[in-house]
């Protein structure tokens, strides 16, 4: 796991052809917007979170975020324990995100 600043996370993500963005916030938080093309798996699902994470391709590079960076750090640690080699935590999370935001409300 690596903690990356907003700039480093964004730059690395843009250059990574093997990247998947993972949002681990609650459904209510996601309603406020989501980083485009992110997969949403709520870390508060407990075993359900682990079950969903285990379905993901471990050979991909995961760029993980939550609201402020704490839960995504935990998610990265869990992913590392499950055999994921590359999980990158977004320091400051969605709260400090300066990039594009997709609105899920239709």
PDB file of N, CA and C in Angstrom:
ATOM      1  N   UNK A   1       0.837  -1.186   0.000  1.00  0.00           N
ATOM      2  CA  UNK A   1       0.000   0.000   0.000  1.00  0.00           C
ATOM      3  C   UNK A   1       0.877   1.243   0.000  1.00  0.00           C
ATOM      4  N   UNK A   2       0.432   2.246  -0.704  1.00  0.00           N
ATOM      5  CA  UNK A   2       1.133   3.522  -0.707  1.00  0.00           C
ATOM      6  C   UNK A   2       0.116   4.640  -0.513  1.00  0.00           C
ATOM      7  N   UNK A   3       0.445   5.578   0.359  1.00  0.00           N
ATOM      8  CA  UNK A   3      -0.373   6.779   0.519  1.00  0.00           C
ATOM      9  C   UNK A   3       0.138   7.804  -0.478  1.00  0.00           C
ATOM     10  N   UNK A   4      -0.744   8.289  -1.341  1.00  0.00           N
ATOM     11  CA  UNK A   4      -0.343   9.261  -2.347  1.00  0.00           C
ATOM     12  C   UNK A   4      -1.091  10.572  -2.158  1.00  0.00           C
ATOM     13  N   UNK A   5      -0.395  11.671  -2.395  1.00  0.00           N
ATOM     14  CA  UNK A   5      -1.046  12.981  -2.361  1.00  0.00           C
ATOM     15  C   UNK A   5      -2.015  13.061  -3.532  1.00  0.00           C
ATOM     16  N   UNK A   6      -2.876  14.049  -3.499  1.00  0.00           N
ATOM     17  CA  UNK A   6      -3.835  14.243  -4.586  1.00  0.00           C
ATOM     18  C   UNK A   6      -3.119  14.317  -5.934  1.00  0.00           C
ATOM     19  N   UNK A   7      -2.041  15.117  -6.015  1.00  0.00           N
ATOM     20  CA  UNK A   7      -1.311  15.285  -7.274  1.00  0.00           C
ATOM     21  C   UNK A   7      -0.663  13.982  -7.734  1.00  0.00           C
ATOM     22  N   UNK A   8       0.020  13.297  -6.818  1.00  0.00           N
ATOM     23  CA  UNK A   8       0.693  12.048  -7.172  1.00  0.00           C
ATOM     24  C   UNK A   8      -0.311  10.981  -7.604  1.00  0.00           C
ATOM     25  N   UNK A   9      -1.419  10.882  -6.875  1.00  0.00           N
ATOM     26  CA  UNK A   9      -2.468   9.897  -7.164  1.00  0.00           C
ATOM     27  C   UNK A   9      -3.022  10.137  -8.562  1.00  0.00           C
ATOM     28  N   UNK A  10      -3.343  11.403  -8.864  1.00  0.00           N
ATOM     29  CA  UNK A  10      -3.916  11.762 -10.156  1.00  0.00           C
ATOM     30  C   UNK A  10      -2.933  11.518 -11.285  1.00  0.00           C
ATOM     31  N   UNK A  11      -1.684  11.962 -11.114  1.00  0.00           N
ATOM     32  CA  UNK A  11      -0.665  11.778 -12.158  1.00  0.00           C
ATOM     33  C   UNK A  11      -0.404  10.304 -12.425  1.00  0.00           C
ATOM     34  N   UNK A  12      -0.266   9.529 -11.367  1.00  0.00           N
ATOM     35  CA  UNK A  12       0.012   8.106 -11.525  1.00  0.00           C
ATOM     36  C   UNK A  12      -1.179   7.409 -12.190  1.00  0.00           C
ATOM     37  N   UNK A  13      -2.384   7.769 -11.774  1.00  0.00           N
ATOM     38  CA  UNK A  13      -3.601   7.182 -12.331  1.00  0.00           C
ATOM     39  C   UNK A  13      -3.704   7.455 -13.833  1.00  0.00           C
ATOM     40  N   UNK A  14      -3.421   8.681 -14.233  1.00  0.00           N
ATOM     41  CA  UNK A  14      -3.531   9.068 -15.640  1.00  0.00           C
ATOM     42  C   UNK A  14      -2.553   8.290 -16.524  1.00  0.00           C
ATOM     43  N   UNK A  15      -1.417   7.875 -15.968  1.00  0.00           N
ATOM     44  CA  UNK A  15      -0.398   7.168 -16.742  1.00  0.00           C
ATOM     45  C   UNK A  15      -0.492   5.647 -16.620  1.00  0.00           C
ATOM     46  N   UNK A  16      -1.461   5.160 -15.864  1.00  0.00           N
ATOM     47  CA  UNK A  16      -1.561   3.736 -15.557  1.00  0.00           C
ATOM     48  C   UNK A  16      -2.625   3.065 -16.437  1.00  0.00           C
ATOM     49  N   UNK A  17      -2.187   2.205 -17.357  1.00  0.00           N
ATOM     50  CA  UNK A  17      -3.112   1.494 -18.246  1.00  0.00           C
ATOM     51  C   UNK A  17      -3.755   0.292 -17.563  1.00  0.00           C
ATOM     52  N   UNK A  18      -3.333   0.007 -16.350  1.00  0.00           N
ATOM     53  CA  UNK A  18      -3.826  -1.166 -15.620  1.00  0.00           C
ATOM     54  C   UNK A  18      -4.580  -0.736 -14.352  1.00  0.00           C
ATOM     55  N   UNK A  19      -5.156   0.479 -14.400  1.00  0.00           N
ATOM     56  CA  UNK A  19      -5.737   1.087 -13.199  1.00  0.00           C
ATOM     57  C   UNK A  19      -7.235   0.839 -13.055  1.00  0.00           C
ATOM     58  N   UNK A  20      -7.633   0.687 -11.800  1.00  0.00           N
ATOM     59  CA  UNK A  20      -9.049   0.664 -11.435  1.00  0.00           C
ATOM     60  C   UNK A  20      -9.204   1.584 -10.236  1.00  0.00           C
ATOM     61  N   UNK A  21     -10.188   2.482 -10.314  1.00  0.00           N
ATOM     62  CA  UNK A  21     -10.483   3.390  -9.202  1.00  0.00           C
ATOM     63  C   UNK A  21     -11.555   2.734  -8.339  1.00  0.00           C
ATOM     64  N   UNK A  22     -11.321   2.711  -7.037  1.00  0.00           N
ATOM     65  CA  UNK A  22     -12.232   2.054  -6.091  1.00  0.00           C
ATOM     66  C   UNK A  22     -12.680   3.048  -5.025  1.00  0.00           C
ATOM     67  N   UNK A  23     -13.992   3.222  -4.928  1.00  0.00           N
ATOM     68  CA  UNK A  23     -14.615   4.112  -3.945  1.00  0.00           C
ATOM     69  C   UNK A  23     -15.151   3.238  -2.817  1.00  0.00           C
ATOM     70  N   UNK A  24     -14.687   3.454  -1.576  1.00  0.00           N
ATOM     71  CA  UNK A  24     -15.120   2.613  -0.457  1.00  0.00           C
ATOM     72  C   UNK A  24     -16.047   3.355   0.504  1.00  0.00           C
ATOM     73  N   UNK A  25     -16.640   4.458   0.036  1.00  0.00           N
ATOM     74  CA  UNK A  25     -17.559   5.236   0.880  1.00  0.00           C
ATOM     75  C   UNK A  25     -18.935   4.566   0.959  1.00  0.00           C
ATOM     76  N   UNK A  26     -19.793   5.128   1.801  1.00  0.00           N
ATOM     77  CA  UNK A  26     -21.166   4.636   1.919  1.00  0.00           C
ATOM     78  C   UNK A  26     -21.982   5.100   0.708  1.00  0.00           C
ATOM     79  N   UNK A  27     -23.120   4.460   0.489  1.00  0.00           N
ATOM     80  CA  UNK A  27     -23.993   4.828  -0.630  1.00  0.00           C
ATOM     81  C   UNK A  27     -24.439   6.288  -0.508  1.00  0.00           C
ATOM     82  N   UNK A  28     -24.687   6.742   0.719  1.00  0.00           N
ATOM     83  CA  UNK A  28     -25.111   8.130   0.936  1.00  0.00           C
ATOM     84  C   UNK A  28     -24.010   9.105   0.521  1.00  0.00           C
ATOM     85  N   UNK A  29     -22.773   8.764   0.818  1.00  0.00           N
ATOM     86  CA  UNK A  29     -21.649   9.623   0.436  1.00  0.00           C
ATOM     87  C   UNK A  29     -21.471   9.642  -1.083  1.00  0.00           C
ATOM     88  N   UNK A  30     -21.669   8.503  -1.718  1.00  0.00           N
ATOM     89  CA  UNK A  30     -21.519   8.402  -3.176  1.00  0.00           C
ATOM     90  C   UNK A  30     -22.559   9.269  -3.887  1.00  0.00           C
ATOM     91  N   UNK A  31     -23.735   9.441  -3.274  1.00  0.00           N
ATOM     92  CA  UNK A  31     -24.777  10.279  -3.872  1.00  0.00           C
ATOM     93  C   UNK A  31     -24.310  11.721  -4.065  1.00  0.00           C
ATOM     94  N   UNK A  32     -23.297  12.147  -3.330  1.00  0.00           N
ATOM     95  CA  UNK A  32     -22.769  13.507  -3.457  1.00  0.00           C
ATOM     96  C   UNK A  32     -21.829  13.638  -4.650  1.00  0.00           C
ATOM     97  N   UNK A  33     -21.545  12.529  -5.315  1.00  0.00           N
ATOM     98  CA  UNK A  33     -20.655  12.519  -6.464  1.00  0.00           C
ATOM     99  C   UNK A  33     -19.619  11.422  -6.322  1.00  0.00           C
ATOM    100  N   UNK A  34     -19.049  11.050  -7.456  1.00  0.00           N
ATOM    101  CA  UNK A  34     -18.074   9.961  -7.489  1.00  0.00           C
ATOM    102  C   UNK A  34     -17.020  10.301  -8.541  1.00  0.00           C
ATOM    103  N   UNK A  35     -15.805   9.850  -8.336  1.00  0.00           N
ATOM    104  CA  UNK A  35     -14.766  10.038  -9.345  1.00  0.00           C
ATOM    105  C   UNK A  35     -15.172   9.182 -10.550  1.00  0.00           C
ATOM    106  N   UNK A  36     -15.162   9.752 -11.753  1.00  0.00           N
ATOM    107  CA  UNK A  36     -15.637   9.016 -12.941  1.00  0.00           C
ATOM    108  C   UNK A  36     -14.998   7.637 -13.093  1.00  0.00           C
ATOM    109  N   UNK A  37     -15.826   6.675 -13.477  1.00  0.00           N
ATOM    110  CA  UNK A  37     -15.424   5.282 -13.738  1.00  0.00           C
ATOM    111  C   UNK A  37     -15.004   4.506 -12.498  1.00  0.00           C
ATOM    112  N   UNK A  38     -15.268   5.045 -11.316  1.00  0.00           N
ATOM    113  CA  UNK A  38     -14.921   4.327 -10.084  1.00  0.00           C
ATOM    114  C   UNK A  38     -15.900   3.181  -9.836  1.00  0.00           C
ATOM    115  N   UNK A  39     -15.378   2.112  -9.248  1.00  0.00           N
ATOM    116  CA  UNK A  39     -16.194   1.007  -8.750  1.00  0.00           C
ATOM    117  C   UNK A  39     -16.518   1.340  -7.299  1.00  0.00           C
ATOM    118  N   UNK A  40     -17.775   1.132  -6.887  1.00  0.00           N
ATOM    119  CA  UNK A  40     -18.153   1.430  -5.497  1.00  0.00           C
ATOM    120  C   UNK A  40     -18.358   0.138  -4.718  1.00  0.00           C
ATOM    121  N   UNK A  41     -17.572  -0.033  -3.647  1.00  0.00           N
ATOM    122  CA  UNK A  41     -17.758  -1.139  -2.703  1.00  0.00           C
ATOM    123  C   UNK A  41     -17.622  -0.546  -1.301  1.00  0.00           C
ATOM    124  N   UNK A  42     -18.704  -0.508  -0.563  1.00  0.00           N
ATOM    125  CA  UNK A  42     -18.750   0.109   0.772  1.00  0.00           C
ATOM    126  C   UNK A  42     -17.946  -0.727   1.775  1.00  0.00           C
ATOM    127  N   UNK A  43     -16.915  -0.118   2.365  1.00  0.00           N
ATOM    128  CA  UNK A  43     -16.075  -0.835   3.330  1.00  0.00           C
ATOM    129  C   UNK A  43     -16.855  -1.223   4.586  1.00  0.00           C
ATOM    130  N   UNK A  44     -17.953  -0.520   4.871  1.00  0.00           N
ATOM    131  CA  UNK A  44     -18.756  -0.840   6.052  1.00  0.00           C
ATOM    132  C   UNK A  44     -19.591  -2.109   5.877  1.00  0.00           C
ATOM    133  N   UNK A  45     -19.518  -2.762   4.722  1.00  0.00           N
ATOM    134  CA  UNK A  45     -20.232  -4.020   4.512  1.00  0.00           C
ATOM    135  C   UNK A  45     -19.576  -5.183   5.238  1.00  0.00           C
ATOM    136  N   UNK A  46     -18.410  -4.964   5.848  1.00  0.00           N
ATOM    137  CA  UNK A  46     -17.734  -6.024   6.597  1.00  0.00           C
ATOM    138  C   UNK A  46     -17.326  -7.179   5.707  1.00  0.00           C
ATOM    139  N   UNK A  47     -17.846  -8.372   6.025  1.00  0.00           N
ATOM    140  CA  UNK A  47     -17.502  -9.561   5.228  1.00  0.00           C
ATOM    141  C   UNK A  47     -17.964  -9.391   3.789  1.00  0.00           C
ATOM    142  N   UNK A  48     -19.054  -8.684   3.585  1.00  0.00           N
ATOM    143  CA  UNK A  48     -19.540  -8.416   2.232  1.00  0.00           C
ATOM    144  C   UNK A  48     -18.516  -7.629   1.427  1.00  0.00           C
ATOM    145  N   UNK A  49     -17.820  -6.708   2.090  1.00  0.00           N
ATOM    146  CA  UNK A  49     -16.750  -5.944   1.437  1.00  0.00           C
ATOM    147  C   UNK A  49     -15.632  -6.882   1.001  1.00  0.00           C
ATOM    148  N   UNK A  50     -15.217  -7.753   1.903  1.00  0.00           N
ATOM    149  CA  UNK A  50     -14.141  -8.701   1.597  1.00  0.00           C
ATOM    150  C   UNK A  50     -14.559  -9.625   0.451  1.00  0.00           C
ATOM    151  N   UNK A  51     -15.810 -10.089   0.481  1.00  0.00           N
ATOM    152  CA  UNK A  51     -16.305 -10.965  -0.582  1.00  0.00           C
ATOM    153  C   UNK A  51     -16.254 -10.258  -1.940  1.00  0.00           C
ATOM    154  N   UNK A  52     -16.676  -8.991  -1.979  1.00  0.00           N
ATOM    155  CA  UNK A  52     -16.664  -8.224  -3.230  1.00  0.00           C
ATOM    156  C   UNK A  52     -15.234  -7.956  -3.703  1.00  0.00           C
ATOM    157  N   UNK A  53     -14.354  -7.600  -2.765  1.00  0.00           N
ATOM    158  CA  UNK A  53     -12.957  -7.327  -3.102  1.00  0.00           C
ATOM    159  C   UNK A  53     -12.298  -8.574  -3.693  1.00  0.00           C
ATOM    160  N   UNK A  54     -12.617  -9.732  -3.123  1.00  0.00           N
ATOM    161  CA  UNK A  54     -12.019 -10.983  -3.597  1.00  0.00           C
ATOM    162  C   UNK A  54     -12.414 -11.334  -5.028  1.00  0.00           C
ATOM    163  N   UNK A  55     -13.479 -10.728  -5.539  1.00  0.00           N
ATOM    164  CA  UNK A  55     -13.916 -10.964  -6.920  1.00  0.00           C
ATOM    165  C   UNK A  55     -13.109 -10.132  -7.917  1.00  0.00           C
ATOM    166  N   UNK A  56     -12.358  -9.150  -7.421  1.00  0.00           N
ATOM    167  CA  UNK A  56     -11.600  -8.255  -8.297  1.00  0.00           C
ATOM    168  C   UNK A  56     -10.311  -8.915  -8.788  1.00  0.00           C
ATOM    169  N   UNK A  57      -9.814  -8.421  -9.901  1.00  0.00           N
ATOM    170  CA  UNK A  57      -8.582  -8.916 -10.517  1.00  0.00           C
ATOM    171  C   UNK A  57      -7.375  -8.418  -9.715  1.00  0.00           C
ATOM    172  N   UNK A  58      -6.663  -9.329  -9.088  1.00  0.00           N
ATOM    173  CA  UNK A  58      -5.527  -8.958  -8.235  1.00  0.00           C
ATOM    174  C   UNK A  58      -4.330  -8.427  -9.026  1.00  0.00           C
ATOM    175  N   UNK A  59      -4.341  -8.599 -10.353  1.00  0.00           N
ATOM    176  CA  UNK A  59      -3.223  -8.120 -11.165  1.00  0.00           C
ATOM    177  C   UNK A  59      -3.363  -6.632 -11.540  1.00  0.00           C
ATOM    178  N   UNK A  60      -4.500  -6.039 -11.223  1.00  0.00           N
ATOM    179  CA  UNK A  60      -4.730  -4.622 -11.537  1.00  0.00           C
ATOM    180  C   UNK A  60      -4.128  -3.738 -10.451  1.00  0.00           C
ATOM    181  N   UNK A  61      -3.989  -2.445 -10.775  1.00  0.00           N
ATOM    182  CA  UNK A  61      -3.542  -1.444  -9.801  1.00  0.00           C
ATOM    183  C   UNK A  61      -4.768  -0.687  -9.321  1.00  0.00           C
ATOM    184  N   UNK A  62      -4.983  -0.664  -8.016  1.00  0.00           N
ATOM    185  CA  UNK A  62      -6.193  -0.059  -7.452  1.00  0.00           C
ATOM    186  C   UNK A  62      -5.902   1.281  -6.796  1.00  0.00           C
ATOM    187  N   UNK A  63      -6.663   2.274  -7.205  1.00  0.00           N
ATOM    188  CA  UNK A  63      -6.568   3.628  -6.675  1.00  0.00           C
ATOM    189  C   UNK A  63      -7.804   3.808  -5.804  1.00  0.00           C
ATOM    190  N   UNK A  64      -7.592   3.801  -4.493  1.00  0.00           N
ATOM    191  CA  UNK A  64      -8.679   3.683  -3.531  1.00  0.00           C
ATOM    192  C   UNK A  64      -8.899   5.011  -2.805  1.00  0.00           C
ATOM    193  N   UNK A  65     -10.180   5.370  -2.647  1.00  0.00           N
ATOM    194  CA  UNK A  65     -10.478   6.596  -1.909  1.00  0.00           C
ATOM    195  C   UNK A  65     -11.754   6.448  -1.102  1.00  0.00           C
ATOM    196  N   UNK A  66     -11.870   7.288  -0.074  1.00  0.00           N
ATOM    197  CA  UNK A  66     -13.077   7.406   0.732  1.00  0.00           C
ATOM    198  C   UNK A  66     -13.335   8.896   0.904  1.00  0.00           C
ATOM    199  N   UNK A  67     -13.964   9.286   1.986  1.00  0.00           N
ATOM    200  CA  UNK A  67     -14.262  10.709   2.182  1.00  0.00           C
ATOM    201  C   UNK A  67     -13.013  11.506   2.547  1.00  0.00           C
ATOM    202  N   UNK A  68     -12.194  10.963   3.476  1.00  0.00           N
ATOM    203  CA  UNK A  68     -11.043  11.737   3.955  1.00  0.00           C
ATOM    204  C   UNK A  68      -9.711  10.986   3.921  1.00  0.00           C
ATOM    205  N   UNK A  69      -9.715   9.705   3.606  1.00  0.00           N
ATOM    206  CA  UNK A  69      -8.468   8.952   3.497  1.00  0.00           C
ATOM    207  C   UNK A  69      -8.270   7.864   4.532  1.00  0.00           C
ATOM    208  N   UNK A  70      -9.069   7.832   5.582  1.00  0.00           N
ATOM    209  CA  UNK A  70      -8.911   6.835   6.635  1.00  0.00           C
ATOM    210  C   UNK A  70      -9.410   5.457   6.238  1.00  0.00           C
ATOM    211  N   UNK A  71     -10.663   5.385   5.818  1.00  0.00           N
ATOM    212  CA  UNK A  71     -11.237   4.089   5.429  1.00  0.00           C
ATOM    213  C   UNK A  71     -10.540   3.520   4.200  1.00  0.00           C
ATOM    214  N   UNK A  72     -10.134   4.386   3.271  1.00  0.00           N
ATOM    215  CA  UNK A  72      -9.449   3.885   2.077  1.00  0.00           C
ATOM    216  C   UNK A  72      -8.084   3.314   2.457  1.00  0.00           C
ATOM    217  N   UNK A  73      -7.440   3.884   3.468  1.00  0.00           N
ATOM    218  CA  UNK A  73      -6.194   3.313   3.977  1.00  0.00           C
ATOM    219  C   UNK A  73      -6.427   1.920   4.538  1.00  0.00           C
ATOM    220  N   UNK A  74      -7.525   1.761   5.281  1.00  0.00           N
ATOM    221  CA  UNK A  74      -7.881   0.447   5.820  1.00  0.00           C
ATOM    222  C   UNK A  74      -8.177  -0.526   4.680  1.00  0.00           C
ATOM    223  N   UNK A  75      -8.894  -0.040   3.665  1.00  0.00           N
ATOM    224  CA  UNK A  75      -9.234  -0.887   2.523  1.00  0.00           C
ATOM    225  C   UNK A  75      -7.971  -1.360   1.811  1.00  0.00           C
ATOM    226  N   UNK A  76      -7.003  -0.468   1.641  1.00  0.00           N
ATOM    227  CA  UNK A  76      -5.733  -0.838   1.004  1.00  0.00           C
ATOM    228  C   UNK A  76      -5.018  -1.917   1.815  1.00  0.00           C
ATOM    229  N   UNK A  77      -5.021  -1.774   3.136  1.00  0.00           N
ATOM    230  CA  UNK A  77      -4.376  -2.757   4.005  1.00  0.00           C
ATOM    231  C   UNK A  77      -5.061  -4.118   3.876  1.00  0.00           C
ATOM    232  N   UNK A  78      -6.388  -4.117   3.848  1.00  0.00           N
ATOM    233  CA  UNK A  78      -7.152  -5.360   3.676  1.00  0.00           C
ATOM    234  C   UNK A  78      -6.818  -5.979   2.325  1.00  0.00           C
ATOM    235  N   UNK A  79      -6.780  -5.152   1.287  1.00  0.00           N
ATOM    236  CA  UNK A  79      -6.474  -5.650  -0.057  1.00  0.00           C
ATOM    237  C   UNK A  79      -5.086  -6.275  -0.105  1.00  0.00           C
ATOM    238  N   UNK A  80      -4.117  -5.652   0.551  1.00  0.00           N
ATOM    239  CA  UNK A  80      -2.764  -6.209   0.604  1.00  0.00           C
ATOM    240  C   UNK A  80      -2.772  -7.578   1.288  1.00  0.00           C
ATOM    241  N   UNK A  81      -3.536  -7.704   2.371  1.00  0.00           N
ATOM    242  CA  UNK A  81      -3.629  -8.981   3.081  1.00  0.00           C
ATOM    243  C   UNK A  81      -4.265 -10.058   2.211  1.00  0.00           C
ATOM    244  N   UNK A  82      -5.156  -9.633   1.293  1.00  0.00           N
ATOM    245  CA  UNK A  82      -5.847 -10.576   0.415  1.00  0.00           C
ATOM    246  C   UNK A  82      -5.045 -10.904  -0.848  1.00  0.00           C
ATOM    247  N   UNK A  83      -3.839 -10.321  -0.964  1.00  0.00           N
ATOM    248  CA  UNK A  83      -2.976 -10.667  -2.082  1.00  0.00           C
ATOM    249  C   UNK A  83      -2.900  -9.648  -3.200  1.00  0.00           C
ATOM    250  N   UNK A  84      -3.508  -8.492  -3.024  1.00  0.00           N
ATOM    251  CA  UNK A  84      -3.387  -7.427  -4.025  1.00  0.00           C
ATOM    252  C   UNK A  84      -2.023  -6.778  -3.859  1.00  0.00           C
ATOM    253  N   UNK A  85      -1.306  -6.640  -4.951  1.00  0.00           N
ATOM    254  CA  UNK A  85       0.060  -6.093  -4.894  1.00  0.00           C
ATOM    255  C   UNK A  85       0.077  -4.567  -4.879  1.00  0.00           C
ATOM    256  N   UNK A  86      -0.838  -3.948  -5.619  1.00  0.00           N
ATOM    257  CA  UNK A  86      -0.803  -2.494  -5.778  1.00  0.00           C
ATOM    258  C   UNK A  86      -2.133  -1.842  -5.422  1.00  0.00           C
ATOM    259  N   UNK A  87      -2.158  -1.247  -4.232  1.00  0.00           N
ATOM    260  CA  UNK A  87      -3.328  -0.482  -3.782  1.00  0.00           C
ATOM    261  C   UNK A  87      -2.809   0.872  -3.295  1.00  0.00           C
ATOM    262  N   UNK A  88      -3.336   1.924  -3.880  1.00  0.00           N
ATOM    263  CA  UNK A  88      -2.866   3.277  -3.596  1.00  0.00           C
ATOM    264  C   UNK A  88      -3.961   4.091  -2.916  1.00  0.00           C
ATOM    265  N   UNK A  89      -3.655   4.589  -1.734  1.00  0.00           N
ATOM    266  CA  UNK A  89      -4.610   5.357  -0.941  1.00  0.00           C
ATOM    267  C   UNK A  89      -4.522   6.842  -1.281  1.00  0.00           C
ATOM    268  N   UNK A  90      -5.674   7.465  -1.497  1.00  0.00           N
ATOM    269  CA  UNK A  90      -5.740   8.897  -1.789  1.00  0.00           C
ATOM    270  C   UNK A  90      -5.774   9.688  -0.480  1.00  0.00           C
ATOM    271  N   UNK A  91      -4.667  10.360  -0.156  1.00  0.00           N
ATOM    272  CA  UNK A  91      -4.602  11.180   1.053  1.00  0.00           C
ATOM    273  C   UNK A  91      -5.599  12.329   0.925  1.00  0.00           C
ATOM    274  N   UNK A  92      -6.413  12.517   1.951  1.00  0.00           N
ATOM    275  CA  UNK A  92      -7.404  13.591   1.925  1.00  0.00           C
ATOM    276  C   UNK A  92      -8.730  13.193   1.312  1.00  0.00           C
ATOM    277  N   UNK A  93      -8.729  12.074   0.599  1.00  0.00           N
ATOM    278  CA  UNK A  93      -9.957  11.517   0.051  1.00  0.00           C
ATOM    279  C   UNK A  93     -10.746  12.441  -0.863  1.00  0.00           C
ATOM    280  N   UNK A  94     -12.019  12.105  -0.994  1.00  0.00           N
ATOM    281  CA  UNK A  94     -12.920  12.832  -1.891  1.00  0.00           C
ATOM    282  C   UNK A  94     -13.110  14.280  -1.445  1.00  0.00           C
ATOM    283  N   UNK A  95     -12.996  14.506  -0.135  1.00  0.00           N
ATOM    284  CA  UNK A  95     -13.177  15.856   0.406  1.00  0.00           C
ATOM    285  C   UNK A  95     -12.214  16.850  -0.234  1.00  0.00           C
ATOM    286  N   UNK A  96     -10.977  16.421  -0.503  1.00  0.00           N
ATOM    287  CA  UNK A  96      -9.975  17.309  -1.083  1.00  0.00           C
ATOM    288  C   UNK A  96      -9.783  17.096  -2.583  1.00  0.00           C
ATOM    289  N   UNK A  97     -10.588  16.226  -3.189  1.00  0.00           N
ATOM    290  CA  UNK A  97     -10.468  15.903  -4.606  1.00  0.00           C
ATOM    291  C   UNK A  97     -10.696  17.143  -5.461  1.00  0.00           C
ATOM    292  N   UNK A  98      -9.761  17.396  -6.381  1.00  0.00           N
ATOM    293  CA  UNK A  98      -9.840  18.563  -7.261  1.00  0.00           C
ATOM    294  C   UNK A  98     -10.223  18.195  -8.689  1.00  0.00           C
ATOM    295  N   UNK A  99     -10.258  16.907  -8.977  1.00  0.00           N
ATOM    296  CA  UNK A  99     -10.521  16.449 -10.341  1.00  0.00           C
ATOM    297  C   UNK A  99     -11.992  16.393 -10.679  1.00  0.00           C
ATOM    298  N   UNK A 100     -12.272  15.717 -11.782  1.00  0.00           N
ATOM    299  CA  UNK A 100     -13.633  15.601 -12.284  1.00  0.00           C
ATOM    300  C   UNK A 100     -14.483  14.776 -11.333  1.00  0.00           C
ATOM    301  N   UNK A 101     -15.778  15.118 -11.269  1.00  0.00           N
ATOM    302  CA  UNK A 101     -16.724  14.398 -10.419  1.00  0.00           C
ATOM    303  C   UNK A 101     -17.935  14.040 -11.268  1.00  0.00           C
ATOM    304  N   UNK A 102     -18.347  12.789 -11.193  1.00  0.00           N
ATOM    305  CA  UNK A 102     -19.554  12.340 -11.886  1.00  0.00           C
ATOM    306  C   UNK A 102     -20.718  12.390 -10.910  1.00  0.00           C
ATOM    307  N   UNK A 103     -21.869  12.814 -11.401  1.00  0.00           N
ATOM    308  CA  UNK A 103     -23.084  12.881 -10.595  1.00  0.00           C
ATOM    309  C   UNK A 103     -23.914  11.642 -10.903  1.00  0.00           C
ATOM    310  N   UNK A 104     -24.197  10.848  -9.886  1.00  0.00           N
ATOM    311  CA  UNK A 104     -24.961   9.630 -10.099  1.00  0.00           C
ATOM    312  C   UNK A 104     -26.463   9.865 -10.101  1.00  0.00           C
ATOM    313  N   UNK A 105     -26.895  11.026  -9.669  1.00  0.00           N
ATOM    314  CA  UNK A 105     -28.336  11.316  -9.642  1.00  0.00           C
ATOM    315  C   UNK A 105     -28.828  11.510 -11.064  1.00  0.00           C
ATOM    316  N   UNK A 106     -29.797  10.728 -11.445  1.00  0.00           N
ATOM    317  CA  UNK A 106     -30.341  10.823 -12.795  1.00  0.00           C
ATOM    318  C   UNK A 106     -31.734  11.423 -12.742  1.00  0.00           C
TER     319      UNK A 106
END
